[in-house]
Amino acid sequence: MTFENNIPTTDELHSAVGQLLTSDHGSDREKIDDLLRINANLHSQLGSDSTKTEKEYVRKLSRIIFRAIKTVDRHIGESFIRTQDGHQDEPKAT
């Protein structure tokens, strides 16, 4: 599900992401690719006429996707989250 021509509710996105993550077909890499495809599609629906509220909402949806990626590959997911937050430095050792 790519949500072409519409931006989903958070519940719709959570449902789609959950189905994708629990599906038996596809490698972890393919799941991450599918999640990034959804994210790219959401951002492609924004334009110069999009309101600040719409842009913030899509950013919130991206955060859901990045957290899902983190469940598949912690390093990649954290990298996307740090980038979204504007922090490019490496995570601190825990």
PDB file of N, CA and C in Angstrom:
ATOM      1  N   MET A   1       0.849  -1.179   0.000  1.00  0.00           N
ATOM      2  CA  MET A   1       0.000   0.000   0.000  1.00  0.00           C
ATOM      3  C   MET A   1       0.893   1.241   0.000  1.00  0.00           C
ATOM      4  N   THR A   2       0.685   2.119  -0.953  1.00  0.00           N
ATOM      5  CA  THR A   2       1.525   3.306  -1.060  1.00  0.00           C
ATOM      6  C   THR A   2       0.781   4.591  -0.747  1.00  0.00           C
ATOM      7  N   PHE A   3      -0.534   4.529  -0.583  1.00  0.00           N
ATOM      8  CA  PHE A   3      -1.348   5.713  -0.305  1.00  0.00           C
ATOM      9  C   PHE A   3      -1.211   6.744  -1.409  1.00  0.00           C
ATOM     10  N   GLU A   4      -1.267   6.269  -2.649  1.00  0.00           N
ATOM     11  CA  GLU A   4      -1.185   7.191  -3.772  1.00  0.00           C
ATOM     12  C   GLU A   4      -2.410   8.084  -3.784  1.00  0.00           C
ATOM     13  N   ASN A   5      -2.172   9.352  -3.994  1.00  0.00           N
ATOM     14  CA  ASN A   5      -3.208  10.377  -4.115  1.00  0.00           C
ATOM     15  C   ASN A   5      -4.005  10.631  -2.847  1.00  0.00           C
ATOM     16  N   ASN A   6      -3.538  10.124  -1.712  1.00  0.00           N
ATOM     17  CA  ASN A   6      -4.166  10.501  -0.453  1.00  0.00           C
ATOM     18  C   ASN A   6      -3.172  10.323   0.684  1.00  0.00           C
ATOM     19  N   ILE A   7      -3.323  11.152   1.676  1.00  0.00           N
ATOM     20  CA  ILE A   7      -2.480  11.052   2.854  1.00  0.00           C
ATOM     21  C   ILE A   7      -3.307  10.339   3.917  1.00  0.00           C
ATOM     22  N   PRO A   8      -2.785   9.237   4.455  1.00  0.00           N
ATOM     23  CA  PRO A   8      -3.567   8.416   5.381  1.00  0.00           C
ATOM     24  C   PRO A   8      -3.682   9.044   6.770  1.00  0.00           C
ATOM     25  N   THR A   9      -4.629   8.542   7.525  1.00  0.00           N
ATOM     26  CA  THR A   9      -4.686   8.890   8.944  1.00  0.00           C
ATOM     27  C   THR A   9      -3.569   8.130   9.635  1.00  0.00           C
ATOM     28  N   THR A  10      -3.258   8.510  10.854  1.00  0.00           N
ATOM     29  CA  THR A  10      -2.213   7.788  11.582  1.00  0.00           C
ATOM     30  C   THR A  10      -2.628   6.342  11.807  1.00  0.00           C
ATOM     31  N   ASP A  11      -3.916   6.099  12.052  1.00  0.00           N
ATOM     32  CA  ASP A  11      -4.388   4.723  12.239  1.00  0.00           C
ATOM     33  C   ASP A  11      -4.215   3.900  10.970  1.00  0.00           C
ATOM     34  N   GLU A  12      -4.540   4.484   9.816  1.00  0.00           N
ATOM     35  CA  GLU A  12      -4.371   3.776   8.551  1.00  0.00           C
ATOM     36  C   GLU A  12      -2.896   3.452   8.307  1.00  0.00           C
ATOM     37  N   LEU A  13      -2.030   4.402   8.615  1.00  0.00           N
ATOM     38  CA  LEU A  13      -0.602   4.171   8.413  1.00  0.00           C
ATOM     39  C   LEU A  13      -0.086   3.104   9.373  1.00  0.00           C
ATOM     40  N   HIS A  14      -0.483   3.183  10.646  1.00  0.00           N
ATOM     41  CA  HIS A  14      -0.062   2.163  11.614  1.00  0.00           C
ATOM     42  C   HIS A  14      -0.504   0.773  11.151  1.00  0.00           C
ATOM     43  N   SER A  15      -1.721   0.670  10.644  1.00  0.00           N
ATOM     44  CA  SER A  15      -2.239  -0.607  10.170  1.00  0.00           C
ATOM     45  C   SER A  15      -1.427  -1.125   8.985  1.00  0.00           C
ATOM     46  N   ALA A  16      -1.179  -0.266   8.005  1.00  0.00           N
ATOM     47  CA  ALA A  16      -0.419  -0.671   6.821  1.00  0.00           C
ATOM     48  C   ALA A  16       1.005  -1.064   7.184  1.00  0.00           C
ATOM     49  N   VAL A  17       1.622  -0.291   8.071  1.00  0.00           N
ATOM     50  CA  VAL A  17       2.993  -0.588   8.490  1.00  0.00           C
ATOM     51  C   VAL A  17       3.036  -1.908   9.250  1.00  0.00           C
ATOM     52  N   GLY A  18       2.062  -2.120  10.126  1.00  0.00           N
ATOM     53  CA  GLY A  18       2.000  -3.378  10.869  1.00  0.00           C
ATOM     54  C   GLY A  18       1.860  -4.578   9.952  1.00  0.00           C
ATOM     55  N   GLN A  19       1.005  -4.468   8.944  1.00  0.00           N
ATOM     56  CA  GLN A  19       0.825  -5.559   7.988  1.00  0.00           C
ATOM     57  C   GLN A  19       2.119  -5.814   7.220  1.00  0.00           C
ATOM     58  N   LEU A  20       2.786  -4.750   6.824  1.00  0.00           N
ATOM     59  CA  LEU A  20       4.034  -4.901   6.073  1.00  0.00           C
ATOM     60  C   LEU A  20       5.096  -5.579   6.935  1.00  0.00           C
ATOM     61  N   LEU A  21       5.218  -5.156   8.189  1.00  0.00           N
ATOM     62  CA  LEU A  21       6.260  -5.705   9.055  1.00  0.00           C
ATOM     63  C   LEU A  21       6.014  -7.156   9.434  1.00  0.00           C
ATOM     64  N   THR A  22       4.750  -7.560   9.511  1.00  0.00           N
ATOM     65  CA  THR A  22       4.438  -8.932   9.921  1.00  0.00           C
ATOM     66  C   THR A  22       4.267  -9.880   8.746  1.00  0.00           C
ATOM     67  N   SER A  23       4.374  -9.362   7.529  1.00  0.00           N
ATOM     68  CA  SER A  23       4.230 -10.238   6.369  1.00  0.00           C
ATOM     69  C   SER A  23       5.422 -11.184   6.284  1.00  0.00           C
ATOM     70  N   ASP A  24       5.150 -12.366   5.769  1.00  0.00           N
ATOM     71  CA  ASP A  24       6.188 -13.390   5.666  1.00  0.00           C
ATOM     72  C   ASP A  24       7.059 -13.240   4.430  1.00  0.00           C
ATOM     73  N   HIS A  25       6.571 -12.527   3.445  1.00  0.00           N
ATOM     74  CA  HIS A  25       7.359 -12.412   2.214  1.00  0.00           C
ATOM     75  C   HIS A  25       8.236 -11.163   2.279  1.00  0.00           C
ATOM     76  N   GLY A  26       9.378 -11.271   1.661  1.00  0.00           N
ATOM     77  CA  GLY A  26      10.289 -10.138   1.578  1.00  0.00           C
ATOM     78  C   GLY A  26      11.322 -10.139   2.689  1.00  0.00           C
ATOM     79  N   SER A  27      12.506  -9.745   2.317  1.00  0.00           N
ATOM     80  CA  SER A  27      13.608  -9.642   3.272  1.00  0.00           C
ATOM     81  C   SER A  27      13.455  -8.351   4.078  1.00  0.00           C
ATOM     82  N   ASP A  28      14.287  -8.207   5.091  1.00  0.00           N
ATOM     83  CA  ASP A  28      14.282  -6.974   5.867  1.00  0.00           C
ATOM     84  C   ASP A  28      14.571  -5.780   4.960  1.00  0.00           C
ATOM     85  N   ARG A  29      15.497  -5.960   4.043  1.00  0.00           N
ATOM     86  CA  ARG A  29      15.844  -4.882   3.111  1.00  0.00           C
ATOM     87  C   ARG A  29      14.632  -4.475   2.269  1.00  0.00           C
ATOM     88  N   GLU A  30      13.865  -5.460   1.812  1.00  0.00           N
ATOM     89  CA  GLU A  30      12.673  -5.165   1.005  1.00  0.00           C
ATOM     90  C   GLU A  30      11.610  -4.456   1.838  1.00  0.00           C
ATOM     91  N   LYS A  31      11.491  -4.836   3.102  1.00  0.00           N
ATOM     92  CA  LYS A  31      10.523  -4.164   3.980  1.00  0.00           C
ATOM     93  C   LYS A  31      10.914  -2.706   4.193  1.00  0.00           C
ATOM     94  N   ILE A  32      12.201  -2.462   4.420  1.00  0.00           N
ATOM     95  CA  ILE A  32      12.674  -1.087   4.583  1.00  0.00           C
ATOM     96  C   ILE A  32      12.440  -0.301   3.295  1.00  0.00           C
ATOM     97  N   ASP A  33      12.731  -0.912   2.155  1.00  0.00           N
ATOM     98  CA  ASP A  33      12.495  -0.252   0.864  1.00  0.00           C
ATOM     99  C   ASP A  33      11.025   0.115   0.698  1.00  0.00           C
ATOM    100  N   ASP A  34      10.133  -0.806   1.054  1.00  0.00           N
ATOM    101  CA  ASP A  34       8.692  -0.541   0.945  1.00  0.00           C
ATOM    102  C   ASP A  34       8.279   0.604   1.866  1.00  0.00           C
ATOM    103  N   LEU A  35       8.815   0.629   3.082  1.00  0.00           N
ATOM    104  CA  LEU A  35       8.499   1.713   4.020  1.00  0.00           C
ATOM    105  C   LEU A  35       9.001   3.056   3.481  1.00  0.00           C
ATOM    106  N   LEU A  36      10.189   3.061   2.914  1.00  0.00           N
ATOM    107  CA  LEU A  36      10.723   4.304   2.353  1.00  0.00           C
ATOM    108  C   LEU A  36       9.944   4.740   1.118  1.00  0.00           C
ATOM    109  N   ARG A  37       9.430   3.782   0.369  1.00  0.00           N
ATOM    110  CA  ARG A  37       8.585   4.099  -0.789  1.00  0.00           C
ATOM    111  C   ARG A  37       7.313   4.809  -0.326  1.00  0.00           C
ATOM    112  N   ILE A  38       6.710   4.305   0.750  1.00  0.00           N
ATOM    113  CA  ILE A  38       5.517   4.946   1.312  1.00  0.00           C
ATOM    114  C   ILE A  38       5.866   6.359   1.758  1.00  0.00           C
ATOM    115  N   ASN A  39       6.984   6.506   2.454  1.00  0.00           N
ATOM    116  CA  ASN A  39       7.401   7.822   2.943  1.00  0.00           C
ATOM    117  C   ASN A  39       7.615   8.801   1.789  1.00  0.00           C
ATOM    118  N   ALA A  40       8.289   8.346   0.739  1.00  0.00           N
ATOM    119  CA  ALA A  40       8.531   9.210  -0.415  1.00  0.00           C
ATOM    120  C   ALA A  40       7.216   9.624  -1.070  1.00  0.00           C
ATOM    121  N   ASN A  41       6.282   8.695  -1.154  1.00  0.00           N
ATOM    122  CA  ASN A  41       4.984   9.007  -1.744  1.00  0.00           C
ATOM    123  C   ASN A  41       4.253  10.066  -0.932  1.00  0.00           C
ATOM    124  N   LEU A  42       4.301   9.947   0.391  1.00  0.00           N
ATOM    125  CA  LEU A  42       3.637  10.937   1.243  1.00  0.00           C
ATOM    126  C   LEU A  42       4.221  12.323   1.007  1.00  0.00           C
ATOM    127  N   HIS A  43       5.546  12.399   0.952  1.00  0.00           N
ATOM    128  CA  HIS A  43       6.188  13.698   0.753  1.00  0.00           C
ATOM    129  C   HIS A  43       5.954  14.236  -0.653  1.00  0.00           C
ATOM    130  N   SER A  44       5.792  13.362  -1.625  1.00  0.00           N
ATOM    131  CA  SER A  44       5.560  13.825  -2.996  1.00  0.00           C
ATOM    132  C   SER A  44       4.184  14.456  -3.149  1.00  0.00           C
ATOM    133  N   GLN A  45       3.299  14.188  -2.214  1.00  0.00           N
ATOM    134  CA  GLN A  45       1.960  14.773  -2.269  1.00  0.00           C
ATOM    135  C   GLN A  45       1.915  16.194  -1.705  1.00  0.00           C
ATOM    136  N   LEU A  46       3.004  16.617  -1.067  1.00  0.00           N
ATOM    137  CA  LEU A  46       3.091  17.983  -0.573  1.00  0.00           C
ATOM    138  C   LEU A  46       3.565  18.886  -1.693  1.00  0.00           C
ATOM    139  N   GLY A  47       3.070  20.087  -1.702  1.00  0.00           N
ATOM    140  CA  GLY A  47       3.496  21.045  -2.719  1.00  0.00           C
ATOM    141  C   GLY A  47       3.719  22.403  -2.104  1.00  0.00           C
ATOM    142  N   SER A  48       4.012  23.358  -2.946  1.00  0.00           N
ATOM    143  CA  SER A  48       4.257  24.714  -2.449  1.00  0.00           C
ATOM    144  C   SER A  48       3.001  25.323  -1.834  1.00  0.00           C
ATOM    145  N   ASP A  49       1.849  24.777  -2.190  1.00  0.00           N
ATOM    146  CA  ASP A  49       0.598  25.285  -1.631  1.00  0.00           C
ATOM    147  C   ASP A  49       0.173  24.543  -0.356  1.00  0.00           C
ATOM    148  N   SER A  50       0.971  23.588   0.098  1.00  0.00           N
ATOM    149  CA  SER A  50       0.641  22.845   1.317  1.00  0.00           C
ATOM    150  C   SER A  50       0.835  23.753   2.530  1.00  0.00           C
ATOM    151  N   THR A  51      -0.055  23.596   3.481  1.00  0.00           N
ATOM    152  CA  THR A  51       0.012  24.418   4.686  1.00  0.00           C
ATOM    153  C   THR A  51       1.070  23.873   5.637  1.00  0.00           C
ATOM    154  N   LYS A  52       1.447  24.694   6.584  1.00  0.00           N
ATOM    155  CA  LYS A  52       2.408  24.268   7.599  1.00  0.00           C
ATOM    156  C   LYS A  52       1.858  23.066   8.362  1.00  0.00           C
ATOM    157  N   THR A  53       0.570  23.081   8.627  1.00  0.00           N
ATOM    158  CA  THR A  53      -0.077  21.975   9.343  1.00  0.00           C
ATOM    159  C   THR A  53       0.025  20.682   8.550  1.00  0.00           C
ATOM    160  N   GLU A  54      -0.201  20.742   7.238  1.00  0.00           N
ATOM    161  CA  GLU A  54      -0.090  19.557   6.392  1.00  0.00           C
ATOM    162  C   GLU A  54       1.343  19.032   6.378  1.00  0.00           C
ATOM    163  N   LYS A  55       2.299  19.926   6.291  1.00  0.00           N
ATOM    164  CA  LYS A  55       3.708  19.520   6.287  1.00  0.00           C
ATOM    165  C   LYS A  55       4.098  18.879   7.616  1.00  0.00           C
ATOM    166  N   GLU A  56       3.629  19.445   8.720  1.00  0.00           N
ATOM    167  CA  GLU A  56       3.928  18.877  10.037  1.00  0.00           C
ATOM    168  C   GLU A  56       3.277  17.505  10.198  1.00  0.00           C
ATOM    169  N   TYR A  57       2.079  17.343   9.646  1.00  0.00           N
ATOM    170  CA  TYR A  57       1.380  16.059   9.729  1.00  0.00           C
ATOM    171  C   TYR A  57       2.147  14.973   8.968  1.00  0.00           C
ATOM    172  N   VAL A  58       2.621  15.303   7.778  1.00  0.00           N
ATOM    173  CA  VAL A  58       3.398  14.330   6.998  1.00  0.00           C
ATOM    174  C   VAL A  58       4.705  14.022   7.716  1.00  0.00           C
ATOM    175  N   ARG A  59       5.286  15.006   8.371  1.00  0.00           N
ATOM    176  CA  ARG A  59       6.504  14.761   9.161  1.00  0.00           C
ATOM    177  C   ARG A  59       6.206  13.780  10.300  1.00  0.00           C
ATOM    178  N   LYS A  60       5.036  13.919  10.902  1.00  0.00           N
ATOM    179  CA  LYS A  60       4.615  12.991  11.962  1.00  0.00           C
ATOM    180  C   LYS A  60       4.456  11.578  11.401  1.00  0.00           C
ATOM    181  N   LEU A  61       3.885  11.473  10.211  1.00  0.00           N
ATOM    182  CA  LEU A  61       3.736  10.170   9.575  1.00  0.00           C
ATOM    183  C   LEU A  61       5.104   9.573   9.242  1.00  0.00           C
ATOM    184  N   SER A  62       6.034  10.410   8.820  1.00  0.00           N
ATOM    185  CA  SER A  62       7.393   9.938   8.545  1.00  0.00           C
ATOM    186  C   SER A  62       8.018   9.363   9.803  1.00  0.00           C
ATOM    187  N   ARG A  63       7.757   9.990  10.918  1.00  0.00           N
ATOM    188  CA  ARG A  63       8.297   9.521  12.199  1.00  0.00           C
ATOM    189  C   ARG A  63       7.783   8.108  12.499  1.00  0.00           C
ATOM    190  N   ILE A  64       6.517   7.848  12.215  1.00  0.00           N
ATOM    191  CA  ILE A  64       5.951   6.506  12.401  1.00  0.00           C
ATOM    192  C   ILE A  64       6.705   5.513  11.526  1.00  0.00           C
ATOM    193  N   ILE A  65       6.958   5.898  10.283  1.00  0.00           N
ATOM    194  CA  ILE A  65       7.671   5.025   9.349  1.00  0.00           C
ATOM    195  C   ILE A  65       9.097   4.788   9.825  1.00  0.00           C
ATOM    196  N   PHE A  66       9.768   5.826  10.283  1.00  0.00           N
ATOM    197  CA  PHE A  66      11.155   5.677  10.744  1.00  0.00           C
ATOM    198  C   PHE A  66      11.234   4.792  11.985  1.00  0.00           C
ATOM    199  N   ARG A  67      10.251   4.894  12.863  1.00  0.00           N
ATOM    200  CA  ARG A  67      10.229   4.010  14.037  1.00  0.00           C
ATOM    201  C   ARG A  67      10.006   2.563  13.609  1.00  0.00           C
ATOM    202  N   ALA A  68       9.192   2.364  12.579  1.00  0.00           N
ATOM    203  CA  ALA A  68       8.988   1.007  12.057  1.00  0.00           C
ATOM    204  C   ALA A  68      10.290   0.474  11.460  1.00  0.00           C
ATOM    205  N   ILE A  69      11.001   1.320  10.730  1.00  0.00           N
ATOM    206  CA  ILE A  69      12.291   0.906  10.166  1.00  0.00           C
ATOM    207  C   ILE A  69      13.237   0.521  11.300  1.00  0.00           C
ATOM    208  N   LYS A  70      13.181   1.241  12.383  1.00  0.00           N
ATOM    209  CA  LYS A  70      14.053   0.962  13.534  1.00  0.00           C
ATOM    210  C   LYS A  70      13.789  -0.431  14.109  1.00  0.00           C
ATOM    211  N   THR A  71      12.562  -0.936  13.996  1.00  0.00           N
ATOM    212  CA  THR A  71      12.277  -2.288  14.489  1.00  0.00           C
ATOM    213  C   THR A  71      12.891  -3.358  13.590  1.00  0.00           C
ATOM    214  N   VAL A  72      13.148  -2.994  12.341  1.00  0.00           N
ATOM    215  CA  VAL A  72      13.767  -3.920  11.396  1.00  0.00           C
ATOM    216  C   VAL A  72      15.286  -3.812  11.472  1.00  0.00           C
ATOM    217  N   ASP A  73      15.787  -2.590  11.482  1.00  0.00           N
ATOM    218  CA  ASP A  73      17.232  -2.339  11.551  1.00  0.00           C
ATOM    219  C   ASP A  73      17.446  -1.107  12.423  1.00  0.00           C
ATOM    220  N   ARG A  74      17.892  -1.336  13.638  1.00  0.00           N
ATOM    221  CA  ARG A  74      18.023  -0.262  14.628  1.00  0.00           C
ATOM    222  C   ARG A  74      18.903   0.875  14.124  1.00  0.00           C
ATOM    223  N   HIS A  75      20.037   0.541  13.537  1.00  0.00           N
ATOM    224  CA  HIS A  75      20.983   1.566  13.092  1.00  0.00           C
ATOM    225  C   HIS A  75      20.378   2.462  12.003  1.00  0.00           C
ATOM    226  N   ILE A  76      19.776   1.857  11.008  1.00  0.00           N
ATOM    227  CA  ILE A  76      19.178   2.635   9.913  1.00  0.00           C
ATOM    228  C   ILE A  76      18.023   3.484  10.433  1.00  0.00           C
ATOM    229  N   GLY A  77      17.162   2.894  11.248  1.00  0.00           N
ATOM    230  CA  GLY A  77      16.030   3.637  11.795  1.00  0.00           C
ATOM    231  C   GLY A  77      16.462   4.825  12.629  1.00  0.00           C
ATOM    232  N   GLU A  78      17.451   4.610  13.495  1.00  0.00           N
ATOM    233  CA  GLU A  78      17.947   5.711  14.322  1.00  0.00           C
ATOM    234  C   GLU A  78      18.582   6.799  13.463  1.00  0.00           C
ATOM    235  N   SER A  79      19.230   6.399  12.388  1.00  0.00           N
ATOM    236  CA  SER A  79      19.838   7.367  11.482  1.00  0.00           C
ATOM    237  C   SER A  79      18.775   8.270  10.860  1.00  0.00           C
ATOM    238  N   PHE A  80      17.681   7.693  10.400  1.00  0.00           N
ATOM    239  CA  PHE A  80      16.594   8.495   9.837  1.00  0.00           C
ATOM    240  C   PHE A  80      15.988   9.420  10.887  1.00  0.00           C
ATOM    241  N   ILE A  81      15.788   8.918  12.082  1.00  0.00           N
ATOM    242  CA  ILE A  81      15.206   9.732  13.155  1.00  0.00           C
ATOM    243  C   ILE A  81      16.136  10.893  13.503  1.00  0.00           C
ATOM    244  N   ARG A  82      17.438  10.620  13.624  1.00  0.00           N
ATOM    245  CA  ARG A  82      18.397  11.690  13.925  1.00  0.00           C
ATOM    246  C   ARG A  82      18.401  12.736  12.823  1.00  0.00           C
ATOM    247  N   THR A  83      18.355  12.289  11.581  1.00  0.00           N
ATOM    248  CA  THR A  83      18.345  13.223  10.460  1.00  0.00           C
ATOM    249  C   THR A  83      17.090  14.087  10.499  1.00  0.00           C
ATOM    250  N   GLN A  84      15.959  13.478  10.776  1.00  0.00           N
ATOM    251  CA  GLN A  84      14.714  14.231  10.853  1.00  0.00           C
ATOM    252  C   GLN A  84      14.775  15.259  11.989  1.00  0.00           C
ATOM    253  N   ASP A  85      15.429  14.888  13.076  1.00  0.00           N
ATOM    254  CA  ASP A  85      15.558  15.800  14.213  1.00  0.00           C
ATOM    255  C   ASP A  85      16.639  16.848  13.998  1.00  0.00           C
ATOM    256  N   GLY A  86      17.433  16.688  12.939  1.00  0.00           N
ATOM    257  CA  GLY A  86      18.466  17.651  12.650  1.00  0.00           C
ATOM    258  C   GLY A  86      19.782  17.359  13.340  1.00  0.00           C
ATOM    259  N   HIS A  87      19.933  16.143  13.881  1.00  0.00           N
ATOM    260  CA  HIS A  87      21.161  15.762  14.563  1.00  0.00           C
ATOM    261  C   HIS A  87      21.910  14.763  13.688  1.00  0.00           C
ATOM    262  N   GLN A  88      23.034  15.163  13.167  1.00  0.00           N
ATOM    263  CA  GLN A  88      23.802  14.312  12.270  1.00  0.00           C
ATOM    264  C   GLN A  88      24.859  13.503  12.978  1.00  0.00           C
ATOM    265  N   ASP A  89      25.113  13.805  14.264  1.00  0.00           N
ATOM    266  CA  ASP A  89      26.195  13.103  14.964  1.00  0.00           C
ATOM    267  C   ASP A  89      25.806  11.686  15.322  1.00  0.00           C
ATOM    268  N   GLU A  90      26.787  10.871  15.632  1.00  0.00           N
ATOM    269  CA  GLU A  90      26.566   9.480  15.969  1.00  0.00           C
ATOM    270  C   GLU A  90      25.897   9.357  17.334  1.00  0.00           C
ATOM    271  N   PRO A  91      25.126   8.291  17.540  1.00  0.00           N
ATOM    272  CA  PRO A  91      24.470   8.102  18.840  1.00  0.00           C
ATOM    273  C   PRO A  91      25.505   7.830  19.924  1.00  0.00           C
ATOM    274  N   LYS A  92      25.166   8.224  21.134  1.00  0.00           N
ATOM    275  CA  LYS A  92      26.057   7.969  22.262  1.00  0.00           C
ATOM    276  C   LYS A  92      25.976   6.510  22.653  1.00  0.00           C
ATOM    277  N   ALA A  93      27.106   5.969  23.098  1.00  0.00           N
ATOM    278  CA  ALA A  93      27.159   4.581  23.522  1.00  0.00           C
ATOM    279  C   ALA A  93      26.305   4.407  24.772  1.00  0.00           C
ATOM    280  N   THR A  94      25.588   3.296  24.803  1.00  0.00           N
ATOM    281  CA  THR A  94      24.748   3.017  25.981  1.00  0.00           C
ATOM    282  C   THR A  94      25.197   1.777  26.671  1.00  0.00           C
TER     283      THR A  94
END
